[in-house]
Amino acid sequence: MPTRAAAHTKVRASVLAALTATVLAATGTPALASTDTGHPMNRAFERAAETFGVPRDLLAAVGYGETRLDGHSGRPSQANGYGVMHLVSNPTNRTLEQAAALTGQPLAELRTDTAANILGGAAVLRGFADKLGLDARDRADLGAWYPAVARYSGAQGATAALYADTVFTFLADGLDAVAPGGERISVTGRPVSPDKGALTPADASTRSTDYPSALWVPADPNNYAKGRSAAIDKVIIHVTQGSYAGSISWFQDPVSQVSAHYVVRSSDGQITQMVRDSDTAYHARSANASALGIEHEGFIDDPSWFTDAMYRSSAALTAYLCDRYGIPKDRAHIIGHSEAPGNDHTDPGSYWDWTRYMELVAQNPGDGSTADELSFTAYATQRSGSTGDQVKAVQKLLNAQGYQAGEADGSFGQATQTAVTAFQSAHGLDADGVVGARTWTALLAAGATTTLNEGASGDDVKRLQRALTAALGSTVDADGTFGPATATAVRAYQTSRGLTADGIAGPDTWAALQAGR
């Protein structure tokens, strides 16, 4: 969080009040876009940015991350959030009411009028910036807005950082989106250096013990039941009707009384587990006792949320769960929320491609492996007593780096553990002899630090892709071609580790990967 001089505190309290008065004088309370027939959303972003001194591209990135710029005709999300900027009204997050107080706009207008909603989002962001002590010079620095964006999420700690990381990845990658009315909203990509201060990203070492490639962020105990009253026999596919970080935050809120076992992110397929498989999540009424619930970021009426990365990551998870619990990989046992007995929900909706999804589930071996003996769709924790192809990969990587792990036989014995411990000690990692996410990342990244960017190809690119898969906990295809998907993964990694997000694997990025960050 940026540190500000004490002199800011005397003027800070009056700044927002003066801005609010200006907005009220300039706009009054009628709908703001009623006479704008040209490019209403672009103009709304520009007006809101000018009025409240919030970067226009930041507003657009927040709106895109929240709703893909779709206000859904004033219908609320599952967290009771409204409009393009997802202004929320629930017991723990009151950005809708804050926006009304700061702009003078009626609640009904903020819910349903896009221009009013965007203005409200800008007002709330500026309010957070003022509370953080950002002056005009600070506000001109895009990176200084990071903690204000994190507060806008309504979440705390790692979940808030995860939200802000996503927004800053959009800023780094750029956007070229089409709003529901056909209007094109663009953001030019640029290197970003977020000022995270005391905020830290989701800890890449905090992994699920049920599905090792997933992050572990527990739901509030009020939102699920310990244990199960029936054997696990099905997987239920859901759509969040909200954003990834927003859904995680909602499941952590004790008032929600809802949860799911897993949540999958749209942009890159990142997975967070929130309820242990052995416990009963509250996601499908009568089916809760025997089902595993997987939520997918997005809205059922907008297929743009259902990305290739999401389908592949979710299918790998479902295949893994089916193999682990003996669930048949068919549509009688992998069902939508709408198909669960006694439910009145319609997700995942008509845009969910069941044919493609089931093909991906069937093609996935269930252990995340690929034909390449070092490349996997996910890297599971390996320790003494572990066996299999991923142990063999550990042994090969250690031997290649001069750490004598013995024959690459896929059996994690004493020689392998000794070599792992020696590697960890040499690279500043906890020397516990266990190959978790950080050790995997360092092992996979070891080697030359040749600068790589979009258009590169070869074994070094494949090595980068493997390391990113381990570090991010989401699959980056190790095809040896540095295309747009790899560039996005590099930026996501850079943003989450506080590096300049330029999408180039240069010395700083390689150093972070080889240190297991």
Protein backbone atom coordinates (compact mmCIF):
# COMPACT_ATOMS: atom_id res chain seq x y z
CA MET A 1 0.00 0.00 0.00
CA PRO A 2 1.50 3.38 -0.93
CA THR A 3 2.89 5.41 1.98
CA ARG A 4 1.71 9.02 1.94
CA ALA A 5 2.90 12.13 3.74
CA ALA A 6 0.95 13.38 6.74
CA ALA A 7 0.08 16.57 4.88
CA HIS A 8 -2.40 14.63 2.75
CA THR A 9 -4.64 13.88 5.71
CA LYS A 10 -5.87 17.47 6.16
CA VAL A 11 -7.13 17.84 2.61
CA ARG A 12 -8.18 14.30 1.90
CA ALA A 13 -11.53 14.46 3.69
CA SER A 14 -12.71 17.46 1.68
CA VAL A 15 -11.65 16.24 -1.75
CA LEU A 16 -14.39 13.68 -2.26
CA ALA A 17 -17.05 15.99 -0.87
CA ALA A 18 -16.04 18.69 -3.36
CA LEU A 19 -16.04 16.19 -6.20
CA THR A 20 -19.45 14.92 -5.19
CA ALA A 21 -20.84 18.45 -5.21
CA THR A 22 -19.38 19.01 -8.67
CA VAL A 23 -20.96 15.82 -9.97
CA LEU A 24 -24.35 16.71 -8.54
CA ALA A 25 -24.22 20.18 -10.03
CA ALA A 26 -23.17 18.88 -13.42
CA THR A 27 -25.44 15.88 -13.74
CA GLY A 28 -28.34 16.07 -11.34
CA THR A 29 -30.09 12.74 -10.97
CA PRO A 30 -31.58 11.81 -14.37
CA ALA A 31 -30.22 8.91 -16.40
CA LEU A 32 -26.87 10.01 -17.82
CA ALA A 33 -26.94 8.28 -21.20
CA SER A 34 -30.46 9.05 -22.32
CA THR A 35 -29.39 11.38 -25.16
CA ASP A 36 -26.12 9.66 -26.16
CA THR A 37 -26.75 7.52 -29.21
CA GLY A 38 -23.17 7.33 -30.56
CA HIS A 39 -20.80 5.49 -28.26
CA PRO A 40 -22.60 5.60 -24.91
CA MET A 41 -20.42 3.22 -22.92
CA ASN A 42 -17.14 4.70 -24.12
CA ARG A 43 -18.43 8.17 -23.32
CA ALA A 44 -19.64 7.01 -19.93
CA PHE A 45 -16.18 5.70 -19.10
CA GLU A 46 -14.59 8.95 -20.29
CA ARG A 47 -17.03 11.15 -18.34
CA ALA A 48 -16.68 9.12 -15.17
CA ALA A 49 -12.89 9.12 -15.48
CA GLU A 50 -12.80 12.90 -15.94
CA THR A 51 -15.27 13.59 -13.14
CA PHE A 52 -13.58 11.49 -10.50
CA GLY A 53 -9.97 11.45 -11.67
CA VAL A 54 -9.87 7.70 -12.20
CA PRO A 55 -7.94 6.36 -15.23
CA ARG A 56 -10.39 5.51 -17.98
CA ASP A 57 -8.64 2.23 -18.82
CA LEU A 58 -8.73 1.18 -15.18
CA LEU A 59 -12.50 1.69 -15.08
CA ALA A 60 -12.92 -0.34 -18.26
CA ALA A 61 -10.70 -3.15 -16.93
CA VAL A 62 -12.66 -3.32 -13.66
CA GLY A 63 -15.96 -3.40 -15.56
CA TYR A 64 -14.67 -6.08 -17.92
CA GLY A 65 -13.40 -8.21 -15.03
CA GLU A 66 -16.67 -7.90 -13.16
CA THR A 67 -19.24 -8.39 -15.91
CA ARG A 68 -17.60 -8.48 -19.38
CA LEU A 69 -19.26 -5.03 -19.68
CA ASP A 70 -22.77 -6.50 -19.52
CA GLY A 71 -25.18 -4.89 -17.06
CA HIS A 72 -27.66 -7.76 -17.49
CA SER A 73 -30.59 -5.33 -17.67
CA GLY A 74 -30.37 -4.56 -13.99
CA ARG A 75 -30.63 -8.18 -12.83
CA PRO A 76 -28.48 -8.90 -9.75
CA SER A 77 -25.57 -11.29 -9.49
CA GLN A 78 -25.53 -13.99 -6.83
CA ALA A 79 -23.79 -11.48 -4.51
CA ASN A 80 -26.55 -8.93 -5.23
CA GLY A 81 -24.35 -6.81 -7.45
CA TYR A 82 -25.67 -4.63 -10.29
CA GLY A 83 -24.59 -3.18 -13.59
CA VAL A 84 -21.40 -3.10 -15.62
CA MET A 85 -19.37 -2.06 -12.55
CA HIS A 86 -21.10 -4.61 -10.30
CA LEU A 87 -22.13 -2.23 -7.52
CA VAL A 88 -22.99 -4.51 -4.62
CA SER A 89 -25.60 -4.35 -1.90
CA ASN A 90 -25.30 -7.09 0.70
CA PRO A 91 -24.63 -7.13 4.45
CA THR A 92 -20.84 -7.01 4.06
CA ASN A 93 -20.37 -4.99 0.86
CA ARG A 94 -22.27 -1.75 0.22
CA THR A 95 -20.68 -0.23 -2.87
CA LEU A 96 -24.13 0.40 -4.37
CA GLU A 97 -25.14 2.55 -1.40
CA GLN A 98 -21.69 4.22 -1.38
CA ALA A 99 -22.12 5.14 -5.03
CA ALA A 100 -25.55 6.63 -4.34
CA ALA A 101 -24.16 8.76 -1.52
CA LEU A 102 -21.20 9.96 -3.58
CA THR A 103 -23.03 10.75 -6.83
CA GLY A 104 -26.58 11.60 -5.74
CA GLN A 105 -27.91 9.06 -8.21
CA PRO A 106 -30.98 7.08 -7.08
CA LEU A 107 -30.38 3.41 -6.34
CA ALA A 108 -32.70 2.41 -9.17
CA GLU A 109 -30.63 4.41 -11.69
CA LEU A 110 -27.39 2.92 -10.41
CA ARG A 111 -28.83 -0.57 -10.85
CA THR A 112 -30.22 -0.16 -14.35
CA ASP A 113 -28.60 2.82 -16.12
CA THR A 114 -25.16 2.00 -17.50
CA ALA A 115 -23.79 5.54 -17.43
CA ALA A 116 -24.94 6.08 -13.86
CA ASN A 117 -23.51 2.72 -12.86
CA ILE A 118 -20.10 3.51 -14.38
CA LEU A 119 -20.09 6.92 -12.70
CA GLY A 120 -20.91 5.19 -9.42
CA GLY A 121 -18.06 2.73 -9.88
CA ALA A 122 -15.64 5.59 -10.52
CA ALA A 123 -16.88 7.41 -7.41
CA VAL A 124 -16.34 4.35 -5.23
CA LEU A 125 -12.84 3.77 -6.63
CA ARG A 126 -11.95 7.42 -6.06
CA GLY A 127 -13.28 7.20 -2.53
CA PHE A 128 -10.98 4.26 -1.82
CA ALA A 129 -8.07 6.14 -3.39
CA ASP A 130 -8.68 9.14 -1.15
CA LYS A 131 -8.85 6.97 1.94
CA LEU A 132 -5.50 5.51 0.92
CA GLY A 133 -4.05 9.02 0.61
CA LEU A 134 -3.44 9.06 -3.14
CA ASP A 135 -2.90 12.63 -4.39
CA ALA A 136 -3.15 13.86 -7.99
CA ARG A 137 0.38 12.73 -8.84
CA ASP A 138 -0.27 9.29 -7.35
CA ARG A 139 -3.52 8.93 -9.25
CA ALA A 140 -1.69 9.56 -12.51
CA ASP A 141 0.35 6.41 -11.81
CA LEU A 142 -1.75 3.41 -12.80
CA GLY A 143 0.20 1.09 -10.47
CA ALA A 144 -0.73 3.20 -7.42
CA TRP A 145 -4.40 2.23 -7.89
CA TYR A 146 -3.75 -1.44 -7.06
CA PRO A 147 -4.86 -1.29 -3.39
CA ALA A 148 -7.95 0.76 -4.29
CA VAL A 149 -8.91 -1.88 -6.86
CA ALA A 150 -8.35 -4.57 -4.24
CA ARG A 151 -10.73 -2.76 -1.86
CA TYR A 152 -13.32 -2.43 -4.63
CA SER A 153 -13.54 -6.23 -4.68
CA GLY A 154 -15.12 -6.27 -1.24
CA ALA A 155 -12.77 -9.11 -0.32
CA GLN A 156 -9.85 -9.28 2.07
CA GLY A 157 -6.24 -10.44 1.93
CA ALA A 158 -5.26 -12.92 -0.75
CA THR A 159 -8.70 -12.92 -2.37
CA ALA A 160 -8.62 -9.13 -2.78
CA ALA A 161 -5.12 -9.39 -4.25
CA LEU A 162 -6.31 -12.09 -6.64
CA TYR A 163 -9.05 -9.73 -7.83
CA ALA A 164 -6.66 -6.82 -8.34
CA ASP A 165 -4.14 -9.09 -10.08
CA THR A 166 -6.82 -10.03 -12.61
CA VAL A 167 -7.66 -6.38 -13.35
CA PHE A 168 -4.00 -5.49 -13.80
CA THR A 169 -3.49 -8.49 -16.08
CA PHE A 170 -6.26 -7.07 -18.31
CA LEU A 171 -4.44 -3.73 -18.30
CA ALA A 172 -1.17 -5.43 -19.23
CA ASP A 173 -2.73 -7.60 -21.95
CA GLY A 174 -5.09 -4.97 -23.29
CA LEU A 175 -8.75 -5.45 -24.15
CA ASP A 176 -10.78 -5.40 -27.33
CA ALA A 177 -14.26 -6.25 -26.11
CA VAL A 178 -17.71 -5.90 -27.62
CA ALA A 179 -20.47 -4.83 -25.23
CA PRO A 180 -23.93 -6.41 -25.56
CA GLY A 181 -25.19 -3.50 -27.69
CA GLY A 182 -22.39 -4.00 -30.19
CA GLU A 183 -20.19 -1.13 -28.99
CA ARG A 184 -16.46 -1.89 -29.00
CA ILE A 185 -14.52 -1.07 -25.82
CA SER A 186 -10.73 -1.08 -26.15
CA VAL A 187 -7.86 -0.83 -23.70
CA THR A 188 -4.31 -0.67 -25.02
CA GLY A 189 -1.97 -3.10 -23.30
CA ARG A 190 1.05 -1.68 -21.52
CA PRO A 191 3.68 -2.72 -18.97
CA VAL A 192 2.23 -2.33 -15.47
CA SER A 193 4.00 -2.23 -12.12
CA PRO A 194 1.31 -2.48 -9.42
CA ASP A 195 2.18 -0.97 -6.05
CA LYS A 196 0.93 -3.80 -3.83
CA GLY A 197 2.18 -2.52 -0.52
CA ALA A 198 1.00 -4.82 2.26
CA LEU A 199 -1.18 -6.86 -0.09
CA THR A 200 0.15 -10.21 -1.23
CA PRO A 201 -1.19 -12.41 -4.01
CA ALA A 202 -2.82 -15.75 -3.41
CA ASP A 203 -0.03 -17.86 -1.92
CA ALA A 204 1.07 -20.25 -4.64
CA SER A 205 2.24 -22.71 -1.97
CA THR A 206 -1.23 -22.93 -0.37
CA ARG A 207 -2.55 -25.81 -2.41
CA SER A 208 -5.52 -28.10 -2.19
CA THR A 209 -4.81 -31.51 -0.73
CA ASP A 210 -7.68 -32.95 -2.81
CA TYR A 211 -6.63 -31.54 -6.21
CA PRO A 212 -3.00 -30.40 -6.03
CA SER A 213 -3.11 -27.92 -8.90
CA ALA A 214 -5.87 -25.91 -7.16
CA LEU A 215 -5.37 -23.10 -4.69
CA TRP A 216 -6.97 -23.61 -1.28
CA VAL A 217 -9.17 -20.80 0.09
CA PRO A 218 -11.66 -22.16 2.64
CA ALA A 219 -15.30 -21.13 2.61
CA ASP A 220 -16.84 -19.85 5.82
CA PRO A 221 -17.89 -22.77 8.08
CA ASN A 222 -21.44 -21.41 8.05
CA ASN A 223 -21.65 -22.14 4.32
CA TYR A 224 -21.05 -25.91 4.30
CA ALA A 225 -21.44 -28.98 6.53
CA LYS A 226 -18.63 -31.14 7.80
CA GLY A 227 -18.71 -34.70 6.49
CA ARG A 228 -21.18 -36.39 4.15
CA SER A 229 -24.30 -38.50 4.58
CA ALA A 230 -23.94 -40.25 1.20
CA ALA A 231 -21.18 -41.52 -1.09
CA ILE A 232 -19.91 -39.18 -3.81
CA ASP A 233 -21.49 -40.25 -7.11
CA LYS A 234 -21.77 -37.17 -9.32
CA VAL A 235 -20.17 -33.87 -10.41
CA ILE A 236 -22.43 -30.84 -10.84
CA ILE A 237 -21.48 -28.02 -13.20
CA HIS A 238 -22.46 -24.48 -12.14
CA VAL A 239 -22.00 -20.94 -13.42
CA THR A 240 -21.28 -18.30 -10.78
CA GLN A 241 -23.43 -15.43 -12.09
CA GLY A 242 -20.54 -13.25 -11.00
CA SER A 243 -16.78 -12.93 -11.08
CA TYR A 244 -14.20 -15.44 -9.87
CA ALA A 245 -12.86 -13.36 -6.98
CA GLY A 246 -16.34 -12.10 -6.17
CA SER A 247 -17.66 -15.65 -5.89
CA ILE A 248 -14.75 -16.71 -3.70
CA SER A 249 -15.43 -13.73 -1.45
CA TRP A 250 -19.16 -14.55 -1.36
CA PHE A 251 -18.46 -18.12 -0.27
CA GLN A 252 -16.29 -16.71 2.52
CA ASP A 253 -19.15 -14.49 3.71
CA PRO A 254 -21.08 -16.23 6.53
CA VAL A 255 -24.37 -14.61 5.49
CA SER A 256 -24.39 -16.23 2.05
CA GLN A 257 -25.06 -19.82 3.20
CA VAL A 258 -23.86 -21.09 -0.18
CA SER A 259 -20.61 -22.63 -1.42
CA ALA A 260 -19.09 -25.00 -3.94
CA HIS A 261 -16.14 -27.34 -3.77
CA TYR A 262 -14.27 -25.65 -6.64
CA VAL A 263 -14.34 -22.36 -8.56
CA VAL A 264 -12.78 -22.06 -12.06
CA ARG A 265 -11.56 -18.76 -13.54
CA SER A 266 -12.54 -17.81 -17.09
CA SER A 267 -9.37 -16.14 -18.33
CA ASP A 268 -6.83 -18.87 -17.62
CA GLY A 269 -8.64 -21.79 -15.97
CA GLN A 270 -7.16 -21.19 -12.52
CA ILE A 271 -8.95 -23.30 -9.89
CA THR A 272 -9.60 -22.54 -6.24
CA GLN A 273 -10.97 -25.19 -3.91
CA MET A 274 -13.17 -23.87 -1.09
CA VAL A 275 -14.74 -26.97 0.47
CA ARG A 276 -13.00 -30.31 0.97
CA ASP A 277 -14.31 -33.17 -1.13
CA SER A 278 -15.17 -35.03 2.06
CA ASP A 279 -17.45 -32.19 3.24
CA THR A 280 -20.89 -31.15 2.00
CA ALA A 281 -20.99 -27.88 0.08
CA TYR A 282 -24.29 -26.00 -0.22
CA HIS A 283 -24.73 -25.78 -3.98
CA ALA A 284 -27.48 -28.12 -5.24
CA ARG A 285 -30.10 -28.69 -2.53
CA SER A 286 -31.10 -32.36 -2.40
CA ALA A 287 -28.00 -33.40 -4.37
CA ASN A 288 -25.54 -31.82 -1.95
CA ALA A 289 -24.89 -34.98 0.06
CA SER A 290 -23.60 -37.00 -2.90
CA ALA A 291 -22.28 -34.35 -5.30
CA LEU A 292 -19.11 -32.38 -5.94
CA GLY A 293 -19.88 -28.85 -7.14
CA ILE A 294 -17.73 -26.94 -9.64
CA GLU A 295 -18.54 -23.26 -10.20
CA HIS A 296 -17.41 -21.54 -13.41
CA GLU A 297 -16.86 -17.80 -13.55
CA GLY A 298 -19.37 -15.99 -15.74
CA PHE A 299 -23.01 -15.50 -16.60
CA ILE A 300 -25.22 -18.04 -18.34
CA ASP A 301 -26.40 -15.59 -21.01
CA ASP A 302 -22.90 -14.63 -22.18
CA PRO A 303 -20.84 -17.40 -23.86
CA SER A 304 -17.69 -15.24 -23.93
CA TRP A 305 -16.97 -16.35 -20.36
CA PHE A 306 -16.67 -20.01 -21.41
CA THR A 307 -13.09 -19.94 -22.69
CA ASP A 308 -10.92 -22.76 -24.00
CA ALA A 309 -8.73 -22.44 -20.91
CA MET A 310 -11.78 -22.81 -18.64
CA TYR A 311 -13.14 -25.85 -20.48
CA ARG A 312 -9.78 -27.63 -20.47
CA SER A 313 -8.96 -26.88 -16.85
CA SER A 314 -12.43 -27.84 -15.63
CA ALA A 315 -12.46 -31.03 -17.71
CA ALA A 316 -9.10 -32.06 -16.24
CA LEU A 317 -10.51 -31.49 -12.75
CA THR A 318 -13.70 -33.43 -13.49
CA ALA A 319 -11.73 -36.35 -15.00
CA TYR A 320 -9.52 -36.40 -11.92
CA LEU A 321 -12.51 -36.41 -9.54
CA CYS A 322 -14.29 -39.11 -11.54
CA ASP A 323 -11.24 -41.37 -11.44
CA ARG A 324 -10.65 -40.70 -7.76
CA TYR A 325 -14.20 -41.46 -6.64
CA GLY A 326 -15.22 -44.03 -9.26
CA ILE A 327 -17.75 -41.74 -10.95
CA PRO A 328 -18.68 -42.79 -14.51
CA LYS A 329 -17.65 -40.19 -17.08
CA ASP A 330 -21.09 -39.80 -18.63
CA ARG A 331 -23.93 -37.28 -18.67
CA ALA A 332 -25.88 -39.25 -16.11
CA HIS A 333 -23.16 -38.53 -13.54
CA ILE A 334 -21.69 -35.24 -14.80
CA ILE A 335 -24.70 -32.94 -14.82
CA GLY A 336 -25.68 -29.30 -14.80
CA HIS A 337 -27.19 -27.53 -11.82
CA SER A 338 -30.44 -27.36 -13.77
CA GLU A 339 -30.49 -31.16 -13.99
CA ALA A 340 -30.06 -31.84 -10.27
CA PRO A 341 -33.26 -33.12 -8.65
CA GLY A 342 -35.32 -30.52 -6.79
CA ASN A 343 -33.48 -27.48 -8.19
CA ASP A 344 -34.92 -24.40 -9.88
CA HIS A 345 -31.67 -23.02 -11.35
CA THR A 346 -30.91 -22.88 -15.07
CA ASP A 347 -27.11 -22.98 -15.08
CA PRO A 348 -24.88 -23.73 -16.85
CA GLY A 349 -27.39 -22.68 -19.53
CA SER A 350 -27.72 -23.20 -23.25
CA TYR A 351 -24.31 -21.74 -24.12
CA TRP A 352 -22.38 -24.36 -22.16
CA ASP A 353 -20.91 -26.74 -24.76
CA TRP A 354 -21.64 -30.13 -23.24
CA THR A 355 -20.42 -32.07 -26.29
CA ARG A 356 -17.02 -30.43 -26.21
CA TYR A 357 -16.77 -30.62 -22.43
CA MET A 358 -17.52 -34.34 -22.28
CA GLU A 359 -15.03 -35.01 -25.09
CA LEU A 360 -12.35 -33.21 -23.07
CA VAL A 361 -13.27 -35.18 -19.94
CA ALA A 362 -13.04 -38.45 -21.87
CA GLN A 363 -9.70 -37.52 -23.45
CA ASN A 364 -8.14 -36.54 -20.15
CA PRO A 365 -6.34 -39.42 -18.41
CA GLY A 366 -7.36 -38.11 -15.02
CA ASP A 367 -3.82 -37.66 -13.69
CA GLY A 368 -2.96 -34.55 -15.69
CA SER A 369 -0.24 -36.24 -17.73
CA THR A 370 0.64 -35.60 -21.36
CA ALA A 371 2.76 -37.42 -23.94
CA ASP A 372 5.81 -35.33 -22.94
CA GLU A 373 7.47 -36.97 -19.93
CA LEU A 374 8.13 -33.58 -18.28
CA SER A 375 4.89 -31.79 -19.20
CA PHE A 376 1.64 -32.18 -17.24
CA THR A 377 -1.60 -30.23 -17.11
CA ALA A 378 -1.02 -29.94 -13.34
CA TYR A 379 1.88 -30.71 -11.03
CA ALA A 380 0.94 -32.60 -7.88
CA THR A 381 2.95 -32.60 -4.65
CA GLN A 382 5.47 -35.45 -4.57
CA ARG A 383 7.13 -36.78 -1.42
CA SER A 384 8.78 -39.86 0.03
CA GLY A 385 6.69 -42.89 -0.95
CA SER A 386 5.11 -41.27 -4.01
CA THR A 387 5.21 -43.17 -7.29
CA GLY A 388 4.36 -42.52 -10.91
CA ASP A 389 5.22 -40.43 -13.94
CA GLN A 390 5.54 -37.17 -12.03
CA VAL A 391 8.12 -38.70 -9.68
CA LYS A 392 10.00 -39.85 -12.78
CA ALA A 393 9.89 -36.27 -14.07
CA VAL A 394 11.30 -34.98 -10.75
CA GLN A 395 14.11 -37.50 -10.96
CA LYS A 396 14.97 -36.55 -14.54
CA LEU A 397 15.00 -32.86 -13.73
CA LEU A 398 17.20 -33.36 -10.67
CA ASN A 399 19.67 -35.58 -12.52
CA ALA A 400 19.88 -33.05 -15.36
CA GLN A 401 20.86 -30.37 -12.82
CA GLY A 402 23.56 -32.54 -11.26
CA TYR A 403 21.61 -33.68 -8.19
CA GLN A 404 21.89 -37.46 -8.00
CA ALA A 405 18.32 -38.72 -7.65
CA GLY A 406 19.22 -42.22 -8.82
CA GLU A 407 17.50 -44.08 -11.63
CA ALA A 408 14.41 -42.33 -13.00
CA ASP A 409 12.15 -45.22 -12.02
CA GLY A 410 9.14 -43.27 -10.75
CA SER A 411 9.66 -44.30 -7.13
CA PHE A 412 10.34 -41.51 -4.59
CA GLY A 413 12.95 -43.15 -2.34
CA GLN A 414 15.81 -41.96 -0.16
CA ALA A 415 18.11 -40.98 -3.03
CA THR A 416 15.39 -38.82 -4.57
CA GLN A 417 14.56 -37.18 -1.25
CA THR A 418 18.23 -36.39 -0.60
CA ALA A 419 18.57 -34.86 -4.06
CA VAL A 420 15.39 -32.79 -3.59
CA THR A 421 16.64 -31.47 -0.25
CA ALA A 422 20.01 -30.54 -1.77
CA PHE A 423 18.31 -28.73 -4.67
CA GLN A 424 16.02 -26.85 -2.29
CA SER A 425 18.93 -25.75 -0.08
CA ALA A 426 20.86 -24.49 -3.09
CA HIS A 427 17.89 -22.44 -4.33
CA GLY A 428 16.77 -20.87 -1.06
CA LEU A 429 13.67 -23.06 -0.70
CA ASP A 430 12.45 -24.79 2.45
CA ALA A 431 14.62 -27.92 2.52
CA ASP A 432 11.81 -30.31 3.48
CA GLY A 433 12.38 -32.89 0.74
CA VAL A 434 8.84 -32.40 -0.58
CA VAL A 435 8.24 -31.28 -4.17
CA GLY A 436 5.41 -28.79 -3.87
CA ALA A 437 4.49 -25.90 -6.18
CA ARG A 438 7.57 -23.80 -5.41
CA THR A 439 10.05 -26.63 -5.87
CA TRP A 440 8.30 -27.77 -9.03
CA THR A 441 8.50 -24.23 -10.41
CA ALA A 442 12.20 -23.91 -9.64
CA LEU A 443 13.00 -27.36 -11.06
CA LEU A 444 11.04 -26.82 -14.27
CA ALA A 445 12.51 -23.34 -14.82
CA ALA A 446 16.13 -24.36 -14.23
CA GLY A 447 18.48 -23.67 -17.12
CA ALA A 448 19.30 -20.81 -19.47
CA THR A 449 17.63 -17.43 -18.91
CA THR A 450 17.31 -16.46 -22.54
CA THR A 451 14.83 -13.61 -22.99
CA LEU A 452 11.68 -14.91 -24.67
CA ASN A 453 8.74 -13.03 -26.11
CA GLU A 454 5.81 -13.59 -28.42
CA GLY A 455 6.88 -15.34 -31.61
CA ALA A 456 9.68 -17.38 -30.00
CA SER A 457 9.67 -21.16 -30.20
CA GLY A 458 11.68 -24.16 -29.08
CA ASP A 459 12.63 -26.07 -25.94
CA ASP A 460 13.24 -22.95 -23.85
CA VAL A 461 9.65 -21.85 -24.52
CA LYS A 462 8.42 -25.29 -23.53
CA ARG A 463 10.46 -25.05 -20.31
CA LEU A 464 8.90 -21.66 -19.60
CA GLN A 465 5.40 -23.04 -20.22
CA ARG A 466 5.95 -25.94 -17.81
CA ALA A 467 7.24 -23.62 -15.10
CA LEU A 468 4.27 -21.29 -15.54
CA THR A 469 1.87 -24.23 -15.22
CA ALA A 470 3.43 -25.15 -11.88
CA ALA A 471 3.62 -21.57 -10.63
CA LEU A 472 0.12 -20.45 -11.65
CA GLY A 473 -1.71 -23.68 -10.91
CA SER A 474 -3.40 -23.55 -14.31
CA THR A 475 -2.41 -25.29 -17.51
CA VAL A 476 -0.20 -23.52 -20.04
CA ASP A 477 0.09 -25.82 -23.04
CA ALA A 478 3.74 -26.89 -23.33
CA ASP A 479 3.79 -26.80 -27.12
CA GLY A 480 7.03 -24.83 -27.48
CA THR A 481 5.35 -21.91 -29.25
CA PHE A 482 5.21 -18.51 -27.52
CA GLY A 483 1.79 -17.36 -28.66
CA PRO A 484 -0.85 -15.03 -27.15
CA ALA A 485 -1.88 -17.60 -24.50
CA THR A 486 1.68 -17.90 -23.23
CA ALA A 487 2.09 -14.11 -23.24
CA THR A 488 -1.07 -13.83 -21.14
CA ALA A 489 0.25 -16.46 -18.72
CA VAL A 490 3.56 -14.60 -18.40
CA ARG A 491 1.72 -11.35 -17.64
CA ALA A 492 -0.51 -13.10 -15.10
CA TYR A 493 2.58 -14.51 -13.39
CA GLN A 494 4.37 -11.15 -13.46
CA THR A 495 1.36 -9.32 -12.08
CA SER A 496 0.81 -11.82 -9.26
CA ARG A 497 4.50 -11.64 -8.25
CA GLY A 498 4.81 -7.86 -8.35
CA LEU A 499 6.96 -7.80 -11.51
CA THR A 500 6.56 -5.45 -14.45
CA ALA A 501 3.83 -7.11 -16.51
CA ASP A 502 5.23 -6.77 -20.01
CA GLY A 503 4.57 -10.34 -21.18
CA ILE A 504 8.28 -10.91 -21.84
CA ALA A 505 10.21 -13.65 -20.03
CA GLY A 506 13.30 -11.60 -19.27
CA PRO A 507 15.94 -11.86 -16.50
CA ASP A 508 13.63 -10.77 -13.66
CA THR A 509 10.89 -13.21 -14.65
CA TRP A 510 13.31 -16.10 -15.04
CA ALA A 511 14.94 -15.24 -11.70
CA ALA A 512 11.56 -15.34 -9.96
CA LEU A 513 10.64 -18.66 -11.57
CA GLN A 514 14.01 -20.23 -10.76
CA ALA A 515 13.62 -19.09 -7.15
CA GLY A 516 10.28 -20.89 -7.01
CA ARG A 517 8.25 -17.72 -6.51
